């Protein structure tokens, strides 16, 4: 895969408002992302009434309402999914969504998505893993909070249910919003690749765009990043998301890095070949010489341009004699000298 898959994660940053959701699609398409991704769930199927909010959710939405009440307001029904997928077609960007429960997998199955996404919190949810595997679709597996053993167990479940290893992209991830730089541990992405022989990517929750760009330079084939219309909006994930200009800058930087990575062959490129003569040196005379002079090291200096005899040949030139009188700083050629 020469092109990084870039997923603009709208998530629940639509705040339950379809007009906001469409504006998020506009932003993702304008930024040049490959996919815009939402979240699909039935609140009662994923959260009990007693479930507490995460600390980051409390800090962004307060503690007066329960996690269930917060999540309930962010549901998207079948009609909403149809509207958003149609709008994605219109805006020429692909639609994805993460299913958090079995019923939601069935809902998303109707839309023939390119990938099913397993979120970090569901990596130990065996019934959901088996349900997603049964869809026989490529899978994106986020691994926030997971150990290597848990990743291995999940991969074994998916593969045993018929998903090929080649159809799984494992996303290194840290499930803290925002993730401190000291906790990113980006080298673990390559440990996952080497340990399990899978393609890897990175699902990012840091502030800014540096880490996903670094991940691409390290071999990530997929980048997922939350974005919003405005970080100051009310809702659990806005604060740790990119705003439109930042998302566009990230996509642009990743595309530049893809080009810059090039191949593993070191050779002169077309753009720099014209500079060889200008930047390199060749053998010139340190002073004028008479015909028949036998060249010694002190007779030679290395000067630009580099279209004469290479200084790498200086030991082969020393000891030869000049065929004619030559002026100071003359650029020596093989036609000017002969062996004794």
Protein backbone atom coordinates (compact mmCIF):
# COMPACT_ATOMS: atom_id res chain seq x y z
CA UNK A 1 0.00 0.00 0.00
CA UNK A 2 1.75 3.12 -1.23
CA UNK A 3 -1.01 5.41 0.00
CA UNK A 4 -1.84 5.78 3.67
CA UNK A 5 -5.50 5.27 4.52
CA UNK A 6 -6.56 8.47 6.29
CA UNK A 7 -9.71 8.22 8.38
CA UNK A 8 -11.19 11.47 9.64
CA UNK A 9 -12.94 10.37 12.82
CA UNK A 10 -16.12 12.40 13.27
CA UNK A 11 -17.19 9.94 15.93
CA UNK A 12 -19.91 11.52 18.05
CA UNK A 13 -18.80 15.10 17.41
CA UNK A 14 -22.08 15.66 15.55
CA UNK A 15 -23.72 15.96 19.00
CA UNK A 16 -26.75 14.11 17.64
CA UNK A 17 -27.42 16.82 15.04
CA UNK A 18 -27.50 15.63 11.42
CA UNK A 19 -26.74 19.08 10.04
CA UNK A 20 -23.57 19.13 12.13
CA UNK A 21 -22.78 15.63 10.88
CA UNK A 22 -23.06 16.82 7.28
CA UNK A 23 -20.77 19.76 8.03
CA UNK A 24 -18.24 17.30 9.44
CA UNK A 25 -18.42 15.35 6.18
CA UNK A 26 -17.81 18.61 4.30
CA UNK A 27 -14.69 19.25 6.38
CA UNK A 28 -13.32 15.72 5.95
CA UNK A 29 -13.87 15.81 2.20
CA UNK A 30 -12.28 19.24 1.88
CA UNK A 31 -9.25 18.07 3.87
CA UNK A 32 -8.70 15.20 1.46
CA UNK A 33 -9.31 12.33 3.89
CA UNK A 34 -10.14 8.94 2.40
CA UNK A 35 -12.91 8.16 4.89
CA UNK A 36 -15.09 9.98 7.36
CA UNK A 37 -16.07 7.71 10.25
CA UNK A 38 -18.93 7.91 12.72
CA UNK A 39 -20.03 5.62 15.58
CA UNK A 40 -23.01 3.26 15.53
CA UNK A 41 -24.60 1.99 18.72
CA UNK A 42 -27.73 1.53 20.76
CA UNK A 43 -27.04 3.18 24.09
CA UNK A 44 -28.89 0.56 26.14
CA UNK A 45 -26.87 -2.20 24.45
CA UNK A 46 -23.48 -0.82 25.45
CA UNK A 47 -23.90 1.10 28.73
CA UNK A 48 -25.60 0.14 31.97
CA UNK A 49 -27.36 2.74 34.08
CA UNK A 50 -24.65 2.31 36.69
CA UNK A 51 -21.73 2.86 34.32
CA UNK A 52 -19.64 5.91 35.30
CA UNK A 53 -18.26 8.41 32.85
CA UNK A 54 -14.57 8.39 32.07
CA UNK A 55 -12.66 11.20 33.73
CA UNK A 56 -12.15 12.97 30.40
CA UNK A 57 -15.91 12.73 29.77
CA UNK A 58 -16.62 14.24 33.16
CA UNK A 59 -14.24 17.09 32.44
CA UNK A 60 -15.89 17.86 29.08
CA UNK A 61 -19.56 17.15 29.81
CA UNK A 62 -19.84 17.39 33.58
CA UNK A 63 -20.94 14.73 36.05
CA UNK A 64 -24.61 15.63 36.49
CA UNK A 65 -25.81 13.19 33.81
CA UNK A 66 -24.96 9.51 33.57
CA UNK A 67 -22.84 7.98 30.82
CA UNK A 68 -26.01 6.32 29.52
CA UNK A 69 -27.83 9.64 29.22
CA UNK A 70 -24.81 11.22 27.53
CA UNK A 71 -24.46 8.38 25.01
CA UNK A 72 -28.19 8.16 24.31
CA UNK A 73 -28.18 11.67 22.84
CA UNK A 74 -25.47 10.68 20.36
CA UNK A 75 -27.19 7.73 18.66
CA UNK A 76 -27.65 7.62 14.89
CA UNK A 77 -30.57 5.52 13.61
CA UNK A 78 -30.91 3.73 10.27
CA UNK A 79 -32.44 6.75 8.56
CA UNK A 80 -29.55 8.93 9.73
CA UNK A 81 -27.02 6.41 8.42
CA UNK A 82 -28.71 6.39 5.03
CA UNK A 83 -28.74 10.17 4.88
CA UNK A 84 -25.06 10.40 5.82
CA UNK A 85 -23.89 7.68 3.45
CA UNK A 86 -25.77 9.35 0.60
CA UNK A 87 -24.21 12.67 1.51
CA UNK A 88 -20.76 11.07 1.50
CA UNK A 89 -21.36 9.86 -2.06
CA UNK A 90 -22.32 13.40 -3.01
CA UNK A 91 -19.16 14.80 -1.39
CA UNK A 92 -16.95 12.05 -2.87
CA UNK A 93 -15.65 10.69 0.40
CA UNK A 94 -16.15 7.18 1.73
CA UNK A 95 -18.32 6.47 4.77
CA UNK A 96 -17.31 4.31 7.74
CA UNK A 97 -18.74 3.78 11.17
CA UNK A 98 -17.71 1.81 14.24
CA UNK A 99 -20.22 -0.72 15.57
CA UNK A 100 -20.29 -1.06 19.36
CA UNK A 101 -22.93 -3.78 19.61
CA UNK A 102 -24.21 -6.74 17.63
CA UNK A 103 -27.37 -5.01 16.36
CA UNK A 104 -25.22 -2.17 15.05
CA UNK A 105 -23.10 -4.63 13.07
CA UNK A 106 -26.29 -5.77 11.34
CA UNK A 107 -27.24 -2.15 10.65
CA UNK A 108 -23.86 -1.38 9.10
CA UNK A 109 -23.92 -4.58 7.07
CA UNK A 110 -26.64 -2.97 4.93
CA UNK A 111 -24.18 -0.35 3.69
CA UNK A 112 -21.45 -2.66 2.37
CA UNK A 113 -18.61 -0.79 4.09
CA UNK A 114 -15.00 -1.28 3.04
CA UNK A 115 -13.97 -2.08 6.63
CA UNK A 116 -15.47 -3.02 9.96
CA UNK A 117 -13.81 -1.21 12.84
CA UNK A 118 -13.27 -2.87 16.22
CA UNK A 119 -12.81 -0.10 18.81
CA UNK A 120 -10.33 -0.41 21.65
CA UNK A 121 -13.00 -0.95 24.27
CA UNK A 122 -14.37 -4.00 22.45
CA UNK A 123 -11.11 -5.92 21.98
CA UNK A 124 -12.15 -8.34 24.76
CA UNK A 125 -15.81 -8.57 23.68
CA UNK A 126 -15.85 -12.09 22.23
CA UNK A 127 -19.46 -12.08 20.96
CA UNK A 128 -18.89 -8.81 19.09
CA UNK A 129 -15.55 -10.00 17.71
CA UNK A 130 -17.16 -13.14 16.33
CA UNK A 131 -20.07 -11.16 14.89
CA UNK A 132 -17.74 -8.75 13.08
CA UNK A 133 -15.57 -11.62 11.83
CA UNK A 134 -18.68 -13.27 10.36
CA UNK A 135 -19.16 -10.29 8.02
CA UNK A 136 -16.13 -11.44 5.99
CA UNK A 137 -14.92 -7.88 5.58
CA UNK A 138 -11.47 -6.34 6.12
CA UNK A 139 -11.06 -5.23 9.72
CA UNK A 140 -9.46 -2.27 11.50
CA UNK A 141 -8.54 -3.28 15.05
CA UNK A 142 -7.77 -0.57 17.60
CA UNK A 143 -5.63 -1.68 20.53
CA UNK A 144 -5.88 1.06 23.17
CA UNK A 145 -5.50 -0.33 26.71
CA UNK A 146 -4.51 -3.74 25.28
CA UNK A 147 -1.59 -5.99 26.10
CA UNK A 148 0.27 -7.96 23.44
CA UNK A 149 -1.43 -11.10 24.75
CA UNK A 150 -4.87 -9.53 24.31
CA UNK A 151 -4.01 -8.47 20.76
CA UNK A 152 -2.86 -12.00 19.99
CA UNK A 153 -6.04 -13.48 21.46
CA UNK A 154 -8.22 -11.15 19.40
CA UNK A 155 -6.31 -11.90 16.21
CA UNK A 156 -6.70 -15.62 16.87
CA UNK A 157 -10.47 -15.17 17.25
CA UNK A 158 -10.80 -13.22 14.02
CA UNK A 159 -8.58 -15.57 12.02
CA UNK A 160 -10.26 -18.69 13.41
CA UNK A 161 -13.59 -17.28 12.18
CA UNK A 162 -12.32 -16.92 8.63
CA UNK A 163 -10.76 -13.45 8.47
CA UNK A 164 -7.41 -13.58 6.68
CA UNK A 165 -4.42 -12.00 8.40
CA UNK A 166 -3.87 -9.89 5.28
CA UNK A 167 -7.32 -8.34 5.75
CA UNK A 168 -6.58 -7.03 9.25
CA UNK A 169 -4.92 -3.71 10.03
CA UNK A 170 -3.97 -3.40 13.69
CA UNK A 171 -4.02 0.18 14.94
CA UNK A 172 -1.70 1.08 17.78
CA UNK A 173 -3.64 3.39 20.07
CA UNK A 174 -3.72 4.97 23.52
CA UNK A 175 -7.16 5.44 25.03
CA UNK A 176 -6.66 8.67 26.91
CA UNK A 177 -8.20 11.89 25.61
CA UNK A 178 -5.92 13.68 25.00
CA UNK A 179 -3.00 11.26 25.12
CA UNK A 180 0.14 12.65 26.81
CA UNK A 181 3.17 12.52 24.52
CA UNK A 182 4.98 10.45 27.16
CA UNK A 183 2.33 7.72 26.78
CA UNK A 184 2.23 7.49 22.97
CA UNK A 185 4.88 4.72 22.81
CA UNK A 186 4.91 4.82 19.02
CA UNK A 187 7.62 2.16 18.74
CA UNK A 188 5.03 -0.36 19.95
CA UNK A 189 3.35 -0.07 16.54
CA UNK A 190 6.28 -1.81 14.90
CA UNK A 191 6.47 -4.34 17.72
CA UNK A 192 2.89 -5.31 16.84
CA UNK A 193 3.80 -5.61 13.16
CA UNK A 194 6.84 -7.77 13.86
CA UNK A 195 5.19 -9.96 16.49
CA UNK A 196 2.01 -10.77 14.58
CA UNK A 197 2.99 -10.33 10.92
CA UNK A 198 0.19 -7.84 10.29
CA UNK A 199 -0.13 -4.45 8.68
CA UNK A 200 -0.25 -1.70 11.27
CA UNK A 201 -1.51 1.83 11.64
CA UNK A 202 -2.14 4.37 14.34
CA UNK A 203 -5.31 5.75 15.90
CA UNK A 204 -4.31 9.04 17.47
CA UNK A 205 -5.69 10.91 20.46
CA UNK A 206 -2.81 13.34 21.05
CA UNK A 207 -3.18 17.07 20.61
CA UNK A 208 -1.75 18.28 17.32
CA UNK A 209 -0.62 16.42 14.22
CA UNK A 210 3.02 15.52 14.87
CA UNK A 211 2.49 11.96 16.07
CA UNK A 212 0.35 10.65 13.19
CA UNK A 213 2.86 12.16 10.75
CA UNK A 214 5.66 10.36 12.60
CA UNK A 215 3.64 7.15 12.51
CA UNK A 216 3.45 7.32 8.71
CA UNK A 217 7.20 7.78 8.52
CA UNK A 218 7.54 4.62 10.63
CA UNK A 219 5.36 2.53 8.35
CA UNK A 220 1.74 3.10 9.39
CA UNK A 221 -0.59 2.16 6.54
CA UNK A 222 -3.63 3.73 8.21
CA UNK A 223 -4.12 6.86 10.31
CA UNK A 224 -7.28 7.64 12.26
CA UNK A 225 -7.73 11.04 13.88
CA UNK A 226 -10.68 12.71 15.61
CA UNK A 227 -11.79 16.06 14.28
CA UNK A 228 -14.46 18.61 15.06
CA UNK A 229 -15.87 21.85 13.79
CA UNK A 230 -14.85 23.66 16.97
CA UNK A 231 -12.91 22.37 20.00
CA UNK A 232 -14.99 24.52 22.32
CA UNK A 233 -18.27 22.81 21.44
CA UNK A 234 -20.07 20.81 24.12
CA UNK A 235 -19.53 17.07 23.94
CA UNK A 236 -17.12 14.40 25.17
CA UNK A 237 -14.58 14.32 22.31
CA UNK A 238 -14.35 17.84 20.89
CA UNK A 239 -11.49 19.00 23.10
CA UNK A 240 -9.13 16.23 21.93
CA UNK A 241 -10.02 16.66 18.25
CA UNK A 242 -8.51 18.60 15.37
CA UNK A 243 -10.24 21.63 13.96
CA UNK A 244 -10.73 21.86 10.17
CA UNK A 245 -7.48 23.69 9.34
CA UNK A 246 -5.50 21.25 11.48
CA UNK A 247 -7.10 18.22 9.79
CA UNK A 248 -6.26 19.63 6.38
CA UNK A 249 -2.68 20.28 7.47
CA UNK A 250 -2.34 16.71 8.76
CA UNK A 251 -3.61 15.18 5.52
CA UNK A 252 -1.29 17.40 3.47
CA UNK A 253 1.70 16.52 5.64
CA UNK A 254 0.99 12.78 5.41
CA UNK A 255 0.74 12.95 1.63
CA UNK A 256 4.07 14.80 1.54
CA UNK A 257 5.67 12.19 3.80
CA UNK A 258 4.39 9.40 1.52
CA UNK A 259 6.23 10.99 -1.40
CA UNK A 260 9.31 11.69 0.68
CA UNK A 261 9.65 8.08 1.86
CA UNK A 262 10.35 6.96 -1.70
CA UNK A 263 12.05 3.58 -2.19
CA UNK A 264 14.81 1.80 -0.30
CA UNK A 265 17.27 2.41 -3.14
CA UNK A 266 19.82 5.19 -2.68
CA UNK A 267 20.61 6.78 -6.01
CA UNK A 268 20.68 10.28 -7.55
CA UNK A 269 17.23 11.57 -8.34
CA UNK A 270 16.19 13.36 -11.49
CA UNK A 271 15.88 16.68 -9.70
CA UNK A 272 19.44 16.66 -8.35
CA UNK A 273 21.39 15.30 -11.31
CA UNK A 274 21.69 18.81 -12.75
CA UNK A 275 23.58 19.85 -9.60
CA UNK A 276 26.35 17.26 -9.88
CA UNK A 277 28.57 19.47 -12.06
CA UNK A 278 27.87 22.55 -9.96
CA UNK A 279 28.36 21.02 -6.49
CA UNK A 280 31.16 18.52 -7.05
CA UNK A 281 34.81 19.17 -7.84
CA UNK A 282 37.34 18.00 -10.38
CA UNK A 283 41.12 18.19 -10.65
CA UNK A 284 42.56 21.59 -11.59
CA UNK A 285 46.11 22.89 -11.73
CA UNK A 286 47.45 24.76 -8.71
CA UNK A 287 49.74 26.79 -11.02
CA UNK A 288 50.78 26.94 -14.66
CA UNK A 289 52.83 24.03 -16.00
CA UNK A 290 55.14 23.53 -18.95
CA UNK A 291 54.91 20.77 -21.52
CA UNK A 292 56.52 17.55 -20.31
CA UNK A 293 56.09 18.36 -16.60
CA UNK A 294 55.65 15.26 -14.39
CA UNK A 295 52.68 15.84 -12.12
CA UNK A 296 53.07 15.75 -8.33
CA UNK A 297 50.41 16.23 -5.62
CA UNK A 298 51.33 19.89 -5.16
CA UNK A 299 50.44 20.59 -8.80
CA UNK A 300 46.78 19.65 -8.26
CA UNK A 301 43.84 21.23 -6.47
CA UNK A 302 40.16 20.26 -6.37
CA UNK A 303 37.81 22.97 -7.63
CA UNK A 304 34.32 23.27 -8.98
CA UNK A 305 32.88 22.48 -11.52
CA UNK A 306 32.83 18.70 -11.31
CA UNK A 307 32.79 17.82 -15.00
CA UNK A 308 36.51 17.08 -15.26
CA UNK A 309 38.65 14.33 -13.76
CA UNK A 310 37.25 13.16 -10.42
CA UNK A 311 39.47 13.82 -7.37
CA UNK A 312 38.95 10.12 -6.61
CA UNK A 313 41.43 9.51 -9.49
CA UNK A 314 44.19 11.79 -8.15
CA UNK A 315 46.61 8.96 -7.39
CA UNK A 316 46.29 7.71 -10.96
CA UNK A 317 47.09 11.20 -12.31
CA UNK A 318 50.17 11.83 -10.16
CA UNK A 319 53.25 10.71 -12.05
CA UNK A 320 51.88 11.42 -15.53
CA UNK A 321 53.33 14.19 -17.69
CA UNK A 322 51.71 17.09 -19.50
CA UNK A 323 51.46 17.05 -23.30
CA UNK A 324 51.50 20.85 -23.59
CA UNK A 325 51.85 24.09 -21.65
CA UNK A 326 48.86 24.53 -19.25
CA UNK A 327 47.71 27.68 -17.38
CA UNK A 328 46.98 28.19 -13.67
CA UNK A 329 43.61 26.74 -12.45
CA UNK A 330 43.27 24.83 -15.68
CA UNK A 331 40.66 22.04 -15.49
CA UNK A 332 42.70 18.98 -16.31
CA UNK A 333 41.50 16.42 -18.88
CA UNK A 334 42.85 13.01 -19.82
CA UNK A 335 43.75 14.42 -23.24
CA UNK A 336 46.22 16.82 -21.59
CA UNK A 337 48.42 14.13 -20.02
CA UNK A 338 50.11 10.86 -20.82
CA UNK A 339 51.85 8.13 -18.85
CA UNK A 340 55.58 8.15 -18.62
